Amino acid sequence: MNIFTKVPGFAQQTSKLGSVLQRAFYGSSGRVSHMTVTLFEQRNFAGRRLDLTSDCQKISDKNFPERCNSVQVESGAWVGFEHENYRGRQYLWDMCDRGEYNCYDRWCAQVDHISSVRAVKQDNSAPRAQLFERAGFSGKKTEIQDDIPNLMSRYSLNRAASIRVLGGSWVVYQEPNYRGPHYVLEKRDYNNSSEWGSQSSTVGSMRRVRFS
Protein backbone atom coordinates (compact mmCIF):
# COMPACT_ATOMS: atom_id res chain seq x y z
CA MET A 1 0.00 0.00 0.00
CA ASN A 2 1.20 3.51 -0.77
CA ILE A 3 1.91 5.21 2.53
CA PHE A 4 0.11 8.30 1.26
CA THR A 5 -3.07 6.39 0.47
CA LYS A 6 -6.01 7.63 2.56
CA VAL A 7 -7.30 4.99 4.93
CA PRO A 8 -11.10 5.17 5.48
CA GLY A 9 -11.92 6.42 8.96
CA PHE A 10 -8.31 7.20 9.80
CA ALA A 11 -8.71 10.98 9.57
CA GLN A 12 -11.78 10.85 11.78
CA GLN A 13 -9.99 8.74 14.38
CA THR A 14 -7.02 11.10 14.30
CA SER A 15 -9.33 14.07 14.78
CA LYS A 16 -10.97 12.38 17.77
CA LEU A 17 -7.57 11.61 19.28
CA GLY A 18 -6.56 15.24 18.84
CA SER A 19 -9.71 16.38 20.63
CA VAL A 20 -9.04 14.03 23.54
CA LEU A 21 -5.47 15.28 23.86
CA GLN A 22 -6.63 18.88 23.67
CA ARG A 23 -9.18 18.33 26.45
CA ALA A 24 -6.55 16.62 28.58
CA PHE A 25 -4.14 19.49 28.05
CA TYR A 26 -6.54 22.26 28.99
CA GLY A 27 -7.95 20.25 31.87
CA SER A 28 -4.49 19.87 33.40
CA SER A 29 -3.94 23.64 33.36
CA GLY A 30 -6.53 24.18 36.09
CA ARG A 31 -9.19 25.55 33.72
CA VAL A 32 -12.54 23.96 33.02
CA SER A 33 -12.06 21.98 29.81
CA HIS A 34 -15.73 21.80 28.93
CA MET A 35 -18.55 24.01 30.16
CA THR A 36 -22.18 23.96 29.09
CA VAL A 37 -25.26 25.87 30.16
CA THR A 38 -28.76 25.71 28.64
CA LEU A 39 -31.26 28.56 28.76
CA PHE A 40 -34.98 27.80 28.36
CA GLU A 41 -37.68 30.22 27.31
CA GLN A 42 -40.27 28.74 29.69
CA ARG A 43 -40.28 27.50 33.27
CA ASN A 44 -39.41 23.91 34.15
CA PHE A 45 -36.97 23.54 31.24
CA ALA A 46 -39.59 23.87 28.52
CA GLY A 47 -39.96 25.84 25.30
CA ARG A 48 -37.19 27.05 23.06
CA ARG A 49 -33.66 26.40 24.34
CA LEU A 50 -30.21 27.82 23.83
CA ASP A 51 -27.09 25.74 24.53
CA LEU A 52 -23.93 27.72 25.26
CA THR A 53 -20.36 26.48 25.64
CA SER A 54 -18.70 29.91 25.53
CA ASP A 55 -19.38 33.55 26.34
CA CYS A 56 -22.23 35.27 24.52
CA GLN A 57 -22.32 39.08 24.64
CA LYS A 58 -25.63 39.36 22.79
CA ILE A 59 -28.18 36.55 23.12
CA SER A 60 -30.42 38.02 20.45
CA ASP A 61 -27.70 37.20 17.90
CA LYS A 62 -28.33 33.51 18.66
CA ASN A 63 -31.93 33.73 17.43
CA PHE A 64 -33.13 33.31 21.01
CA PRO A 65 -35.50 35.73 22.77
CA GLU A 66 -34.13 37.75 25.68
CA ARG A 67 -36.66 35.89 27.79
CA CYS A 68 -35.33 33.16 30.05
CA ASN A 69 -37.44 31.38 32.66
CA SER A 70 -35.29 28.38 33.55
CA VAL A 71 -31.63 27.33 33.32
CA GLN A 72 -29.75 24.06 33.52
CA VAL A 73 -25.99 24.00 34.15
CA GLU A 74 -24.29 20.86 32.85
CA SER A 75 -20.81 21.94 33.93
CA GLY A 76 -18.91 24.98 35.08
CA ALA A 77 -20.44 28.19 36.41
CA TRP A 78 -22.06 31.05 34.49
CA VAL A 79 -23.28 34.61 34.93
CA GLY A 80 -26.34 35.96 33.16
CA PHE A 81 -26.62 39.71 32.68
CA GLU A 82 -29.61 42.01 32.38
CA HIS A 83 -28.08 43.91 29.44
CA GLU A 84 -25.88 43.15 26.45
CA ASN A 85 -22.08 43.14 26.71
CA TYR A 86 -22.15 41.82 30.31
CA ARG A 87 -23.74 44.89 31.88
CA GLY A 88 -26.49 45.44 34.43
CA ARG A 89 -27.72 43.10 37.13
CA GLN A 90 -25.92 39.79 37.46
CA TYR A 91 -27.38 36.33 38.01
CA LEU A 92 -25.17 33.41 39.02
CA TRP A 93 -25.86 29.90 37.74
CA ASP A 94 -23.47 27.34 39.18
CA MET A 95 -23.55 23.69 40.27
CA CYS A 96 -25.23 24.46 43.60
CA ASP A 97 -28.42 22.33 43.85
CA ARG A 98 -27.23 20.24 40.88
CA GLY A 99 -27.25 23.28 38.61
CA GLU A 100 -31.01 23.20 38.08
CA TYR A 101 -33.00 26.45 38.15
CA ASN A 102 -36.60 25.77 37.18
CA CYS A 103 -37.78 29.39 37.44
CA TYR A 104 -36.12 32.79 37.46
CA ASP A 105 -36.75 33.52 41.14
CA ARG A 106 -34.35 30.65 41.88
CA TRP A 107 -31.52 32.94 40.75
CA CYS A 108 -32.88 35.95 42.71
CA ALA A 109 -34.33 37.69 39.64
CA GLN A 110 -37.55 39.68 39.52
CA VAL A 111 -38.01 39.46 35.75
CA ASP A 112 -37.23 36.85 33.09
CA HIS A 113 -34.90 39.09 31.06
CA ILE A 114 -31.36 37.94 30.12
CA SER A 115 -29.32 39.64 27.37
CA SER A 116 -25.78 38.26 27.74
CA VAL A 117 -24.01 35.32 29.40
CA ARG A 118 -20.41 34.55 30.27
CA ALA A 119 -18.52 31.74 31.98
CA VAL A 120 -16.99 32.29 35.42
CA LYS A 121 -13.22 31.83 35.50
CA GLN A 122 -12.27 28.91 37.68
CA ASP A 123 -9.39 29.14 40.14
CA ASN A 124 -8.38 25.94 41.89
CA SER A 125 -6.41 27.46 44.74
CA ALA A 126 -7.79 27.36 48.28
CA PRO A 127 -10.84 29.69 48.67
CA ARG A 128 -9.85 32.92 50.40
CA ALA A 129 -11.16 36.49 50.31
CA GLN A 130 -10.44 39.66 52.27
CA LEU A 131 -13.16 42.29 52.83
CA PHE A 132 -12.16 45.86 53.72
CA GLU A 133 -14.20 48.54 55.41
CA ARG A 134 -13.08 51.29 53.06
CA ALA A 135 -12.11 51.60 49.38
CA GLY A 136 -8.48 51.06 48.47
CA PHE A 137 -8.09 48.12 50.88
CA SER A 138 -8.05 50.23 54.03
CA GLY A 139 -9.90 50.18 57.33
CA LYS A 140 -11.05 47.08 59.18
CA LYS A 141 -10.17 43.84 57.36
CA THR A 142 -12.17 40.60 57.54
CA GLU A 143 -10.87 37.40 55.96
CA ILE A 144 -13.15 34.51 54.99
CA GLN A 145 -12.43 31.06 53.64
CA ASP A 146 -15.89 29.48 53.61
CA ASP A 147 -19.55 30.30 52.95
CA ILE A 148 -21.01 32.92 55.31
CA PRO A 149 -24.85 33.08 55.23
CA ASN A 150 -24.96 36.14 57.50
CA LEU A 151 -21.94 38.42 57.70
CA MET A 152 -23.53 40.65 60.33
CA SER A 153 -24.16 37.83 62.81
CA ARG A 154 -20.74 36.25 62.21
CA TYR A 155 -18.48 39.30 61.90
CA SER A 156 -20.71 42.32 62.72
CA LEU A 157 -20.15 43.29 59.10
CA ASN A 158 -22.68 44.67 56.63
CA ARG A 159 -20.48 46.75 54.33
CA ALA A 160 -17.36 46.14 52.26
CA ALA A 161 -15.98 48.96 50.13
CA SER A 162 -13.14 46.90 48.64
CA ILE A 163 -12.40 43.19 48.33
CA ARG A 164 -9.36 41.06 47.52
CA VAL A 165 -10.08 37.59 46.16
CA LEU A 166 -6.94 35.56 46.85
CA GLY A 167 -8.30 32.14 45.94
CA GLY A 168 -11.36 30.60 44.33
CA SER A 169 -14.33 32.49 42.89
CA TRP A 170 -16.98 34.08 45.10
CA VAL A 171 -20.43 35.63 44.94
CA VAL A 172 -21.42 38.55 47.19
CA TYR A 173 -25.10 39.03 48.06
CA GLN A 174 -26.54 42.27 49.39
CA GLU A 175 -28.92 40.39 51.68
CA PRO A 176 -28.32 37.58 54.23
CA ASN A 177 -28.94 33.94 53.32
CA TYR A 178 -27.79 34.39 49.73
CA ARG A 179 -30.66 36.60 48.59
CA GLY A 180 -31.06 39.83 46.67
CA PRO A 181 -28.76 41.50 44.13
CA HIS A 182 -25.46 39.67 43.87
CA TYR A 183 -22.10 39.97 42.14
CA VAL A 184 -19.56 37.40 41.03
CA LEU A 185 -15.96 38.05 42.09
CA GLU A 186 -13.09 36.22 40.43
CA LYS A 187 -9.47 36.07 41.59
CA ARG A 188 -8.26 39.71 41.57
CA ASP A 189 -8.35 42.95 43.55
CA TYR A 190 -11.53 45.07 43.60
CA ASN A 191 -10.60 48.59 44.67
CA ASN A 192 -14.22 49.67 45.18
CA SER A 193 -17.73 48.25 44.86
CA SER A 194 -18.26 49.64 41.36
CA GLU A 195 -15.47 47.35 40.14
CA TRP A 196 -17.63 44.30 40.91
CA GLY A 197 -20.67 45.98 39.35
CA SER A 198 -22.46 47.32 42.42
CA GLN A 199 -23.49 50.87 43.27
CA SER A 200 -23.56 49.96 46.96
CA SER A 201 -21.03 48.52 49.40
CA THR A 202 -23.75 46.67 51.32
CA VAL A 203 -22.98 42.99 51.91
CA GLY A 204 -25.26 40.49 53.64
CA SER A 205 -23.79 37.10 52.74
CA MET A 206 -21.03 35.58 50.66
CA ARG A 207 -20.33 32.11 49.32
CA ARG A 208 -17.96 30.21 47.06
CA VAL A 209 -18.95 29.57 43.44
CA ARG A 210 -19.58 25.86 42.86
CA PHE A 211 -18.04 24.44 39.67
CA SER A 212 -18.93 20.81 40.41
C-alpha atoms as a PDB file:
ATOM      1  CA  MET A   1       0.000   0.000   0.000  1.00  0.00           C
ATOM      2  CA  ASN A   2       1.198   3.514  -0.771  1.00  0.00           C
ATOM      3  CA  ILE A   3       1.911   5.215   2.531  1.00  0.00           C
ATOM      4  CA  PHE A   4       0.108   8.298   1.256  1.00  0.00           C
ATOM      5  CA  THR A   5      -3.071   6.392   0.473  1.00  0.00           C
ATOM      6  CA  LYS A   6      -6.010   7.634   2.562  1.00  0.00           C
ATOM      7  CA  VAL A   7      -7.302   4.988   4.933  1.00  0.00           C
ATOM      8  CA  PRO A   8     -11.101   5.171   5.484  1.00  0.00           C
ATOM      9  CA  GLY A   9     -11.923   6.418   8.958  1.00  0.00           C
ATOM     10  CA  PHE A  10      -8.308   7.204   9.799  1.00  0.00           C
ATOM     11  CA  ALA A  11      -8.713  10.978   9.574  1.00  0.00           C
ATOM     12  CA  GLN A  12     -11.782  10.854  11.782  1.00  0.00           C
ATOM     13  CA  GLN A  13      -9.995   8.736  14.385  1.00  0.00           C
ATOM     14  CA  THR A  14      -7.022  11.102  14.302  1.00  0.00           C
ATOM     15  CA  SER A  15      -9.332  14.065  14.780  1.00  0.00           C
ATOM     16  CA  LYS A  16     -10.973  12.384  17.770  1.00  0.00           C
ATOM     17  CA  LEU A  17      -7.567  11.614  19.277  1.00  0.00           C
ATOM     18  CA  GLY A  18      -6.559  15.243  18.838  1.00  0.00           C
ATOM     19  CA  SER A  19      -9.715  16.382  20.632  1.00  0.00           C
ATOM     20  CA  VAL A  20      -9.041  14.029  23.539  1.00  0.00           C
ATOM     21  CA  LEU A  21      -5.466  15.280  23.864  1.00  0.00           C
ATOM     22  CA  GLN A  22      -6.633  18.876  23.665  1.00  0.00           C
ATOM     23  CA  ARG A  23      -9.183  18.328  26.451  1.00  0.00           C
ATOM     24  CA  ALA A  24      -6.547  16.617  28.577  1.00  0.00           C
ATOM     25  CA  PHE A  25      -4.135  19.493  28.053  1.00  0.00           C
ATOM     26  CA  TYR A  26      -6.541  22.260  28.989  1.00  0.00           C
ATOM     27  CA  GLY A  27      -7.955  20.253  31.870  1.00  0.00           C
ATOM     28  CA  SER A  28      -4.490  19.869  33.400  1.00  0.00           C
ATOM     29  CA  SER A  29      -3.939  23.641  33.364  1.00  0.00           C
ATOM     30  CA  GLY A  30      -6.534  24.184  36.092  1.00  0.00           C
ATOM     31  CA  ARG A  31      -9.190  25.555  33.717  1.00  0.00           C
ATOM     32  CA  VAL A  32     -12.539  23.960  33.023  1.00  0.00           C
ATOM     33  CA  SER A  33     -12.057  21.982  29.814  1.00  0.00           C
ATOM     34  CA  HIS A  34     -15.731  21.804  28.926  1.00  0.00           C
ATOM     35  CA  MET A  35     -18.547  24.006  30.156  1.00  0.00           C
ATOM     36  CA  THR A  36     -22.180  23.959  29.092  1.00  0.00           C
ATOM     37  CA  VAL A  37     -25.265  25.871  30.158  1.00  0.00           C
ATOM     38  CA  THR A  38     -28.757  25.712  28.645  1.00  0.00           C
ATOM     39  CA  LEU A  39     -31.265  28.559  28.759  1.00  0.00           C
ATOM     40  CA  PHE A  40     -34.977  27.803  28.358  1.00  0.00           C
ATOM     41  CA  GLU A  41     -37.679  30.217  27.315  1.00  0.00           C
ATOM     42  CA  GLN A  42     -40.266  28.745  29.692  1.00  0.00           C
ATOM     43  CA  ARG A  43     -40.282  27.498  33.265  1.00  0.00           C
ATOM     44  CA  ASN A  44     -39.405  23.910  34.153  1.00  0.00           C
ATOM     45  CA  PHE A  45     -36.973  23.536  31.244  1.00  0.00           C
ATOM     46  CA  ALA A  46     -39.592  23.865  28.516  1.00  0.00           C
ATOM     47  CA  GLY A  47     -39.963  25.843  25.298  1.00  0.00           C
ATOM     48  CA  ARG A  48     -37.188  27.053  23.056  1.00  0.00           C
ATOM     49  CA  ARG A  49     -33.663  26.399  24.339  1.00  0.00           C
ATOM     50  CA  LEU A  50     -30.208  27.823  23.831  1.00  0.00           C
ATOM     51  CA  ASP A  51     -27.090  25.737  24.528  1.00  0.00           C
ATOM     52  CA  LEU A  52     -23.934  27.719  25.261  1.00  0.00           C
ATOM     53  CA  THR A  53     -20.362  26.475  25.636  1.00  0.00           C
ATOM     54  CA  SER A  54     -18.698  29.906  25.527  1.00  0.00           C
ATOM     55  CA  ASP A  55     -19.378  33.548  26.339  1.00  0.00           C
ATOM     56  CA  CYS A  56     -22.233  35.272  24.516  1.00  0.00           C
ATOM     57  CA  GLN A  57     -22.320  39.077  24.645  1.00  0.00           C
ATOM     58  CA  LYS A  58     -25.632  39.356  22.787  1.00  0.00           C
ATOM     59  CA  ILE A  59     -28.178  36.547  23.124  1.00  0.00           C
ATOM     60  CA  SER A  60     -30.423  38.023  20.452  1.00  0.00           C
ATOM     61  CA  ASP A  61     -27.700  37.199  17.896  1.00  0.00           C
ATOM     62  CA  LYS A  62     -28.327  33.511  18.657  1.00  0.00           C
ATOM     63  CA  ASN A  63     -31.928  33.730  17.434  1.00  0.00           C
ATOM     64  CA  PHE A  64     -33.126  33.314  21.006  1.00  0.00           C
ATOM     65  CA  PRO A  65     -35.504  35.726  22.766  1.00  0.00           C
ATOM     66  CA  GLU A  66     -34.131  37.753  25.676  1.00  0.00           C
ATOM     67  CA  ARG A  67     -36.662  35.893  27.789  1.00  0.00           C
ATOM     68  CA  CYS A  68     -35.333  33.165  30.054  1.00  0.00           C
ATOM     69  CA  ASN A  69     -37.435  31.381  32.663  1.00  0.00           C
ATOM     70  CA  SER A  70     -35.285  28.375  33.552  1.00  0.00           C
ATOM     71  CA  VAL A  71     -31.633  27.334  33.315  1.00  0.00           C
ATOM     72  CA  GLN A  72     -29.752  24.062  33.516  1.00  0.00           C
ATOM     73  CA  VAL A  73     -25.988  23.998  34.150  1.00  0.00           C
ATOM     74  CA  GLU A  74     -24.293  20.864  32.854  1.00  0.00           C
ATOM     75  CA  SER A  75     -20.811  21.939  33.926  1.00  0.00           C
ATOM     76  CA  GLY A  76     -18.909  24.985  35.083  1.00  0.00           C
ATOM     77  CA  ALA A  77     -20.445  28.194  36.411  1.00  0.00           C
ATOM     78  CA  TRP A  78     -22.055  31.047  34.488  1.00  0.00           C
ATOM     79  CA  VAL A  79     -23.279  34.608  34.930  1.00  0.00           C
ATOM     80  CA  GLY A  80     -26.344  35.957  33.164  1.00  0.00           C
ATOM     81  CA  PHE A  81     -26.619  39.713  32.683  1.00  0.00           C
ATOM     82  CA  GLU A  82     -29.609  42.011  32.381  1.00  0.00           C
ATOM     83  CA  HIS A  83     -28.080  43.913  29.437  1.00  0.00           C
ATOM     84  CA  GLU A  84     -25.876  43.151  26.447  1.00  0.00           C
ATOM     85  CA  ASN A  85     -22.077  43.136  26.711  1.00  0.00           C
ATOM     86  CA  TYR A  86     -22.146  41.824  30.311  1.00  0.00           C
ATOM     87  CA  ARG A  87     -23.745  44.892  31.880  1.00  0.00           C
ATOM     88  CA  GLY A  88     -26.488  45.440  34.435  1.00  0.00           C
ATOM     89  CA  ARG A  89     -27.723  43.100  37.126  1.00  0.00           C
ATOM     90  CA  GLN A  90     -25.916  39.787  37.457  1.00  0.00           C
ATOM     91  CA  TYR A  91     -27.378  36.331  38.005  1.00  0.00           C
ATOM     92  CA  LEU A  92     -25.174  33.412  39.021  1.00  0.00           C
ATOM     93  CA  TRP A  93     -25.862  29.897  37.744  1.00  0.00           C
ATOM     94  CA  ASP A  94     -23.468  27.336  39.178  1.00  0.00           C
ATOM     95  CA  MET A  95     -23.552  23.694  40.272  1.00  0.00           C
ATOM     96  CA  CYS A  96     -25.232  24.463  43.599  1.00  0.00           C
ATOM     97  CA  ASP A  97     -28.419  22.329  43.845  1.00  0.00           C
ATOM     98  CA  ARG A  98     -27.230  20.237  40.877  1.00  0.00           C
ATOM     99  CA  GLY A  99     -27.249  23.280  38.614  1.00  0.00           C
ATOM    100  CA  GLU A 100     -31.015  23.197  38.080  1.00  0.00           C
ATOM    101  CA  TYR A 101     -33.000  26.452  38.149  1.00  0.00           C
ATOM    102  CA  ASN A 102     -36.603  25.765  37.177  1.00  0.00           C
ATOM    103  CA  CYS A 103     -37.784  29.391  37.438  1.00  0.00           C
ATOM    104  CA  TYR A 104     -36.119  32.794  37.464  1.00  0.00           C
ATOM    105  CA  ASP A 105     -36.748  33.516  41.139  1.00  0.00           C
ATOM    106  CA  ARG A 106     -34.351  30.652  41.883  1.00  0.00           C
ATOM    107  CA  TRP A 107     -31.523  32.943  40.747  1.00  0.00           C
ATOM    108  CA  CYS A 108     -32.883  35.953  42.707  1.00  0.00           C
ATOM    109  CA  ALA A 109     -34.335  37.693  39.643  1.00  0.00           C
ATOM    110  CA  GLN A 110     -37.549  39.684  39.522  1.00  0.00           C
ATOM    111  CA  VAL A 111     -38.012  39.465  35.748  1.00  0.00           C
ATOM    112  CA  ASP A 112     -37.226  36.853  33.085  1.00  0.00           C
ATOM    113  CA  HIS A 113     -34.903  39.085  31.061  1.00  0.00           C
ATOM    114  CA  ILE A 114     -31.363  37.938  30.117  1.00  0.00           C
ATOM    115  CA  SER A 115     -29.324  39.636  27.374  1.00  0.00           C
ATOM    116  CA  SER A 116     -25.775  38.263  27.740  1.00  0.00           C
ATOM    117  CA  VAL A 117     -24.014  35.324  29.399  1.00  0.00           C
ATOM    118  CA  ARG A 118     -20.414  34.551  30.268  1.00  0.00           C
ATOM    119  CA  ALA A 119     -18.521  31.745  31.983  1.00  0.00           C
ATOM    120  CA  VAL A 120     -16.994  32.288  35.423  1.00  0.00           C
ATOM    121  CA  LYS A 121     -13.224  31.832  35.496  1.00  0.00           C
ATOM    122  CA  GLN A 122     -12.269  28.914  37.676  1.00  0.00           C
ATOM    123  CA  ASP A 123      -9.393  29.142  40.137  1.00  0.00           C
ATOM    124  CA  ASN A 124      -8.379  25.937  41.886  1.00  0.00           C
ATOM    125  CA  SER A 125      -6.405  27.461  44.745  1.00  0.00           C
ATOM    126  CA  ALA A 126      -7.793  27.362  48.276  1.00  0.00           C
ATOM    127  CA  PRO A 127     -10.838  29.689  48.668  1.00  0.00           C
ATOM    128  CA  ARG A 128      -9.852  32.924  50.399  1.00  0.00           C
ATOM    129  CA  ALA A 129     -11.156  36.485  50.305  1.00  0.00           C
ATOM    130  CA  GLN A 130     -10.444  39.663  52.270  1.00  0.00           C
ATOM    131  CA  LEU A 131     -13.161  42.286  52.833  1.00  0.00           C
ATOM    132  CA  PHE A 132     -12.155  45.859  53.717  1.00  0.00           C
ATOM    133  CA  GLU A 133     -14.200  48.541  55.411  1.00  0.00           C
ATOM    134  CA  ARG A 134     -13.078  51.293  53.056  1.00  0.00           C
ATOM    135  CA  ALA A 135     -12.108  51.602  49.378  1.00  0.00           C
ATOM    136  CA  GLY A 136      -8.481  51.063  48.468  1.00  0.00           C
ATOM    137  CA  PHE A 137      -8.092  48.116  50.882  1.00  0.00           C
ATOM    138  CA  SER A 138      -8.049  50.234  54.026  1.00  0.00           C
ATOM    139  CA  GLY A 139      -9.901  50.182  57.327  1.00  0.00           C
ATOM    140  CA  LYS A 140     -11.045  47.084  59.181  1.00  0.00           C
ATOM    141  CA  LYS A 141     -10.170  43.836  57.359  1.00  0.00           C
ATOM    142  CA  THR A 142     -12.166  40.599  57.539  1.00  0.00           C
ATOM    143  CA  GLU A 143     -10.868  37.399  55.961  1.00  0.00           C
ATOM    144  CA  ILE A 144     -13.150  34.508  54.990  1.00  0.00           C
ATOM    145  CA  GLN A 145     -12.433  31.061  53.638  1.00  0.00           C
ATOM    146  CA  ASP A 146     -15.885  29.481  53.610  1.00  0.00           C
ATOM    147  CA  ASP A 147     -19.549  30.295  52.953  1.00  0.00           C
ATOM    148  CA  ILE A 148     -21.013  32.923  55.309  1.00  0.00           C
ATOM    149  CA  PRO A 149     -24.849  33.082  55.233  1.00  0.00           C
ATOM    150  CA  ASN A 150     -24.965  36.141  57.498  1.00  0.00           C
ATOM    151  CA  LEU A 151     -21.938  38.416  57.697  1.00  0.00           C
ATOM    152  CA  MET A 152     -23.535  40.646  60.333  1.00  0.00           C
ATOM    153  CA  SER A 153     -24.161  37.830  62.806  1.00  0.00           C
ATOM    154  CA  ARG A 154     -20.736  36.246  62.207  1.00  0.00           C
ATOM    155  CA  TYR A 155     -18.483  39.301  61.901  1.00  0.00           C
ATOM    156  CA  SER A 156     -20.706  42.321  62.719  1.00  0.00           C
ATOM    157  CA  LEU A 157     -20.150  43.295  59.095  1.00  0.00           C
ATOM    158  CA  ASN A 158     -22.684  44.670  56.629  1.00  0.00           C
ATOM    159  CA  ARG A 159     -20.485  46.746  54.332  1.00  0.00           C
ATOM    160  CA  ALA A 160     -17.355  46.138  52.260  1.00  0.00           C
ATOM    161  CA  ALA A 161     -15.980  48.957  50.134  1.00  0.00           C
ATOM    162  CA  SER A 162     -13.137  46.897  48.636  1.00  0.00           C
ATOM    163  CA  ILE A 163     -12.401  43.186  48.330  1.00  0.00           C
ATOM    164  CA  ARG A 164      -9.360  41.062  47.525  1.00  0.00           C
ATOM    165  CA  VAL A 165     -10.085  37.586  46.158  1.00  0.00           C
ATOM    166  CA  LEU A 166      -6.937  35.564  46.850  1.00  0.00           C
ATOM    167  CA  GLY A 167      -8.297  32.143  45.939  1.00  0.00           C
ATOM    168  CA  GLY A 168     -11.355  30.605  44.334  1.00  0.00           C
ATOM    169  CA  SER A 169     -14.332  32.488  42.888  1.00  0.00           C
ATOM    170  CA  TRP A 170     -16.984  34.083  45.099  1.00  0.00           C
ATOM    171  CA  VAL A 171     -20.433  35.630  44.940  1.00  0.00           C
ATOM    172  CA  VAL A 172     -21.416  38.549  47.189  1.00  0.00           C
ATOM    173  CA  TYR A 173     -25.103  39.032  48.063  1.00  0.00           C
ATOM    174  CA  GLN A 174     -26.539  42.273  49.386  1.00  0.00           C
ATOM    175  CA  GLU A 175     -28.923  40.388  51.680  1.00  0.00           C
ATOM    176  CA  PRO A 176     -28.322  37.584  54.230  1.00  0.00           C
ATOM    177  CA  ASN A 177     -28.936  33.943  53.324  1.00  0.00           C
ATOM    178  CA  TYR A 178     -27.791  34.387  49.731  1.00  0.00           C
ATOM    179  CA  ARG A 179     -30.661  36.597  48.593  1.00  0.00           C
ATOM    180  CA  GLY A 180     -31.064  39.831  46.666  1.00  0.00           C
ATOM    181  CA  PRO A 181     -28.761  41.501  44.131  1.00  0.00           C
ATOM    182  CA  HIS A 182     -25.460  39.669  43.866  1.00  0.00           C
ATOM    183  CA  TYR A 183     -22.103  39.973  42.145  1.00  0.00           C
ATOM    184  CA  VAL A 184     -19.555  37.402  41.029  1.00  0.00           C
ATOM    185  CA  LEU A 185     -15.963  38.048  42.090  1.00  0.00           C
ATOM    186  CA  GLU A 186     -13.089  36.215  40.433  1.00  0.00           C
ATOM    187  CA  LYS A 187      -9.470  36.072  41.592  1.00  0.00           C
ATOM    188  CA  ARG A 188      -8.265  39.707  41.571  1.00  0.00           C
ATOM    189  CA  ASP A 189      -8.352  42.955  43.548  1.00  0.00           C
ATOM    190  CA  TYR A 190     -11.530  45.073  43.601  1.00  0.00           C
ATOM    191  CA  ASN A 191     -10.595  48.591  44.675  1.00  0.00           C
ATOM    192  CA  ASN A 192     -14.221  49.670  45.178  1.00  0.00           C
ATOM    193  CA  SER A 193     -17.731  48.250  44.865  1.00  0.00           C
ATOM    194  CA  SER A 194     -18.258  49.637  41.360  1.00  0.00           C
ATOM    195  CA  GLU A 195     -15.471  47.349  40.142  1.00  0.00           C
ATOM    196  CA  TRP A 196     -17.627  44.304  40.914  1.00  0.00           C
ATOM    197  CA  GLY A 197     -20.675  45.985  39.345  1.00  0.00           C
ATOM    198  CA  SER A 198     -22.457  47.323  42.422  1.00  0.00           C
ATOM    199  CA  GLN A 199     -23.491  50.873  43.265  1.00  0.00           C
ATOM    200  CA  SER A 200     -23.556  49.962  46.964  1.00  0.00           C
ATOM    201  CA  SER A 201     -21.027  48.522  49.399  1.00  0.00           C
ATOM    202  CA  THR A 202     -23.745  46.673  51.319  1.00  0.00           C
ATOM    203  CA  VAL A 203     -22.983  42.986  51.906  1.00  0.00           C
ATOM    204  CA  GLY A 204     -25.260  40.490  53.641  1.00  0.00           C
ATOM    205  CA  SER A 205     -23.794  37.104  52.741  1.00  0.00           C
ATOM    206  CA  MET A 206     -21.033  35.577  50.658  1.00  0.00           C
ATOM    207  CA  ARG A 207     -20.332  32.105  49.318  1.00  0.00           C
ATOM    208  CA  ARG A 208     -17.964  30.209  47.056  1.00  0.00           C
ATOM    209  CA  VAL A 209     -18.950  29.569  43.440  1.00  0.00           C
ATOM    210  CA  ARG A 210     -19.580  25.865  42.856  1.00  0.00           C
ATOM    211  CA  PHE A 211     -18.044  24.445  39.672  1.00  0.00           C
ATOM    212  CA  SER A 212     -18.929  20.810  40.412  1.00  0.00           C
END
